Amino acid sequence: MSVEEAVRKELEATYDDVMTTEQAVEAYEFQSFLAPFAVVVRRSDNVKGFLSFNHRPRFYFNFTPARRG
C-alpha cells in the first residue's frame, strides 16, 4: 500500500468524504487558503464554508458550513 493510499484510508476512517484536488475543484469553488483550511463555496447549493486539507499527499475533507449571523 502506498503512502497516499494509507493516508486516504486513515482520513476516510474519520471523515465521510475525502477528495483529491481534482474532485474538490469539481465540488467547490475555492476562495482562499489559510492552512490547514480552505474557504470554499459548495457548487451544488452555493453554501459557503471551510474544507480541511493536508499537504502531502493533498486531500480535502470535513466540509463545515460557515455560520450566518
N, C-alpha and C. Protein backbone atom coordinates (compact mmCIF):
# COMPACT_ATOMS: atom_id res chain seq x y z
N MET A 1 0.85 -1.18 0.00
CA MET A 1 0.00 0.00 0.00
C MET A 1 0.90 1.24 0.00
N SER A 2 0.56 2.18 -0.87
CA SER A 2 1.35 3.41 -0.95
C SER A 2 1.01 4.33 0.22
N VAL A 3 1.87 5.31 0.42
CA VAL A 3 1.63 6.30 1.48
C VAL A 3 0.32 7.03 1.21
N GLU A 4 0.07 7.40 -0.04
CA GLU A 4 -1.15 8.10 -0.40
C GLU A 4 -2.39 7.27 -0.05
N GLU A 5 -2.37 5.99 -0.38
CA GLU A 5 -3.50 5.11 -0.06
C GLU A 5 -3.69 4.98 1.45
N ALA A 6 -2.60 4.88 2.19
CA ALA A 6 -2.68 4.74 3.65
C ALA A 6 -3.25 6.00 4.28
N VAL A 7 -2.81 7.17 3.82
CA VAL A 7 -3.32 8.43 4.36
C VAL A 7 -4.80 8.57 4.04
N ARG A 8 -5.18 8.22 2.83
CA ARG A 8 -6.60 8.33 2.45
C ARG A 8 -7.46 7.42 3.31
N LYS A 9 -7.03 6.19 3.52
CA LYS A 9 -7.79 5.25 4.36
C LYS A 9 -7.92 5.78 5.79
N GLU A 10 -6.86 6.36 6.31
CA GLU A 10 -6.90 6.92 7.66
C GLU A 10 -7.90 8.08 7.75
N LEU A 11 -7.87 8.96 6.76
CA LEU A 11 -8.81 10.08 6.73
C LEU A 11 -10.25 9.58 6.57
N GLU A 12 -10.46 8.60 5.71
CA GLU A 12 -11.80 8.07 5.48
C GLU A 12 -12.37 7.39 6.71
N ALA A 13 -11.52 6.90 7.59
CA ALA A 13 -11.99 6.29 8.83
C ALA A 13 -12.61 7.34 9.76
N THR A 14 -12.20 8.59 9.60
CA THR A 14 -12.69 9.67 10.46
C THR A 14 -13.72 10.55 9.74
N TYR A 15 -13.50 10.82 8.46
CA TYR A 15 -14.34 11.74 7.69
C TYR A 15 -15.00 10.98 6.55
N ASP A 16 -16.26 11.29 6.30
CA ASP A 16 -17.01 10.58 5.26
C ASP A 16 -16.48 10.83 3.86
N ASP A 17 -16.24 12.09 3.55
CA ASP A 17 -15.91 12.46 2.18
C ASP A 17 -14.48 12.98 2.10
N VAL A 18 -13.61 12.22 1.49
CA VAL A 18 -12.20 12.61 1.31
C VAL A 18 -11.98 12.75 -0.19
N MET A 19 -11.46 13.90 -0.61
CA MET A 19 -11.34 14.20 -2.03
C MET A 19 -9.92 14.55 -2.43
N THR A 20 -9.58 14.20 -3.65
CA THR A 20 -8.35 14.67 -4.26
C THR A 20 -8.56 16.13 -4.67
N THR A 21 -7.51 16.78 -5.10
CA THR A 21 -7.63 18.17 -5.57
C THR A 21 -8.62 18.25 -6.73
N GLU A 22 -8.54 17.33 -7.67
CA GLU A 22 -9.42 17.35 -8.83
C GLU A 22 -10.88 17.20 -8.40
N GLN A 23 -11.16 16.30 -7.48
CA GLN A 23 -12.52 16.10 -7.00
C GLN A 23 -13.04 17.32 -6.24
N ALA A 24 -12.18 17.91 -5.43
CA ALA A 24 -12.58 19.08 -4.65
C ALA A 24 -12.89 20.27 -5.55
N VAL A 25 -12.09 20.46 -6.61
CA VAL A 25 -12.32 21.58 -7.53
C VAL A 25 -13.65 21.40 -8.28
N GLU A 26 -14.04 20.18 -8.54
CA GLU A 26 -15.33 19.94 -9.18
C GLU A 26 -16.48 20.28 -8.25
N ALA A 27 -16.32 20.03 -6.95
CA ALA A 27 -17.41 20.18 -5.99
C ALA A 27 -17.45 21.56 -5.32
N TYR A 28 -16.32 22.27 -5.31
CA TYR A 28 -16.22 23.53 -4.56
C TYR A 28 -15.50 24.60 -5.37
N GLU A 29 -15.91 25.84 -5.14
CA GLU A 29 -15.16 26.98 -5.66
C GLU A 29 -14.26 27.46 -4.52
N PHE A 30 -12.98 27.48 -4.74
CA PHE A 30 -12.02 27.86 -3.71
C PHE A 30 -11.85 29.37 -3.71
N GLN A 31 -11.92 29.96 -2.50
CA GLN A 31 -11.79 31.41 -2.37
C GLN A 31 -10.48 31.82 -1.71
N SER A 32 -10.04 31.08 -0.71
CA SER A 32 -8.77 31.41 -0.06
C SER A 32 -8.29 30.23 0.76
N PHE A 33 -7.01 30.31 1.15
CA PHE A 33 -6.38 29.26 1.94
C PHE A 33 -5.73 29.87 3.17
N LEU A 34 -5.86 29.21 4.28
CA LEU A 34 -5.12 29.50 5.50
C LEU A 34 -4.91 28.15 6.16
N ALA A 35 -3.79 27.52 5.81
CA ALA A 35 -3.53 26.14 6.21
C ALA A 35 -3.81 25.92 7.69
N PRO A 36 -4.49 24.85 8.01
CA PRO A 36 -4.91 23.74 7.16
C PRO A 36 -6.36 23.83 6.67
N PHE A 37 -6.83 25.02 6.36
CA PHE A 37 -8.21 25.21 5.91
C PHE A 37 -8.25 25.95 4.58
N ALA A 38 -9.34 25.72 3.85
CA ALA A 38 -9.64 26.47 2.64
C ALA A 38 -11.05 27.02 2.79
N VAL A 39 -11.25 28.27 2.40
CA VAL A 39 -12.58 28.86 2.35
C VAL A 39 -13.14 28.52 0.97
N VAL A 40 -14.34 27.92 0.97
CA VAL A 40 -14.91 27.42 -0.28
C VAL A 40 -16.39 27.75 -0.36
N VAL A 41 -16.93 27.62 -1.57
CA VAL A 41 -18.37 27.67 -1.79
C VAL A 41 -18.73 26.35 -2.48
N ARG A 42 -19.67 25.63 -1.87
CA ARG A 42 -20.09 24.35 -2.44
C ARG A 42 -20.91 24.63 -3.69
N ARG A 43 -20.50 24.07 -4.81
CA ARG A 43 -21.12 24.36 -6.11
C ARG A 43 -22.58 23.88 -6.19
N SER A 44 -22.92 22.81 -5.51
CA SER A 44 -24.26 22.24 -5.63
C SER A 44 -25.36 23.13 -5.06
N ASP A 45 -25.02 23.94 -4.03
CA ASP A 45 -26.06 24.75 -3.39
C ASP A 45 -25.58 26.14 -2.95
N ASN A 46 -24.38 26.52 -3.37
CA ASN A 46 -23.80 27.84 -3.05
C ASN A 46 -23.64 28.10 -1.55
N VAL A 47 -23.46 27.06 -0.77
CA VAL A 47 -23.21 27.22 0.66
C VAL A 47 -21.72 27.49 0.87
N LYS A 48 -21.41 28.60 1.57
CA LYS A 48 -20.03 28.95 1.88
C LYS A 48 -19.61 28.20 3.13
N GLY A 49 -18.35 27.78 3.15
CA GLY A 49 -17.85 27.06 4.32
C GLY A 49 -16.36 26.84 4.25
N PHE A 50 -15.91 25.84 4.99
CA PHE A 50 -14.50 25.55 5.12
C PHE A 50 -14.24 24.08 4.82
N LEU A 51 -13.13 23.81 4.17
CA LEU A 51 -12.64 22.46 4.00
C LEU A 51 -11.30 22.36 4.71
N SER A 52 -11.09 21.26 5.39
CA SER A 52 -9.77 20.97 5.93
C SER A 52 -8.95 20.30 4.83
N PHE A 53 -7.64 20.43 4.91
CA PHE A 53 -6.80 19.72 3.94
C PHE A 53 -5.45 19.40 4.57
N ASN A 54 -4.82 18.38 4.01
CA ASN A 54 -3.44 18.08 4.40
C ASN A 54 -2.56 18.29 3.17
N HIS A 55 -1.28 18.53 3.42
CA HIS A 55 -0.38 18.92 2.34
C HIS A 55 0.08 17.77 1.47
N ARG A 56 0.68 16.77 2.07
CA ARG A 56 1.24 15.66 1.28
C ARG A 56 0.91 14.35 1.92
N PRO A 57 0.17 13.53 1.22
CA PRO A 57 -0.50 13.81 -0.05
C PRO A 57 -1.67 14.75 0.17
N ARG A 58 -2.01 15.52 -0.85
CA ARG A 58 -3.06 16.54 -0.73
C ARG A 58 -4.42 15.88 -0.83
N PHE A 59 -5.18 15.98 0.27
CA PHE A 59 -6.57 15.56 0.31
C PHE A 59 -7.38 16.65 1.00
N TYR A 60 -8.63 16.78 0.58
CA TYR A 60 -9.56 17.74 1.18
C TYR A 60 -10.67 16.95 1.86
N PHE A 61 -11.15 17.45 3.01
CA PHE A 61 -12.14 16.70 3.79
C PHE A 61 -12.80 17.62 4.80
N ASN A 62 -13.86 17.13 5.44
CA ASN A 62 -14.51 17.79 6.57
C ASN A 62 -15.10 19.15 6.22
N PHE A 63 -15.97 19.19 5.19
CA PHE A 63 -16.65 20.45 4.88
C PHE A 63 -17.49 20.88 6.07
N THR A 64 -17.34 22.15 6.45
CA THR A 64 -18.11 22.73 7.55
C THR A 64 -18.72 24.03 7.06
N PRO A 65 -20.06 24.10 7.03
CA PRO A 65 -20.70 25.36 6.58
C PRO A 65 -20.33 26.50 7.51
N ALA A 66 -20.19 27.69 6.94
CA ALA A 66 -19.91 28.89 7.75
C ALA A 66 -21.17 29.27 8.50
N ARG A 67 -20.98 29.80 9.68
CA ARG A 67 -22.13 30.27 10.47
C ARG A 67 -22.63 31.58 9.90
N ARG A 68 -23.91 31.75 9.93
CA ARG A 68 -24.51 33.01 9.48
C ARG A 68 -24.82 33.86 10.71
N GLY A 69 -24.65 35.16 10.54
CA GLY A 69 -25.04 35.99 11.65
C GLY A 69 -24.05 37.02 12.06
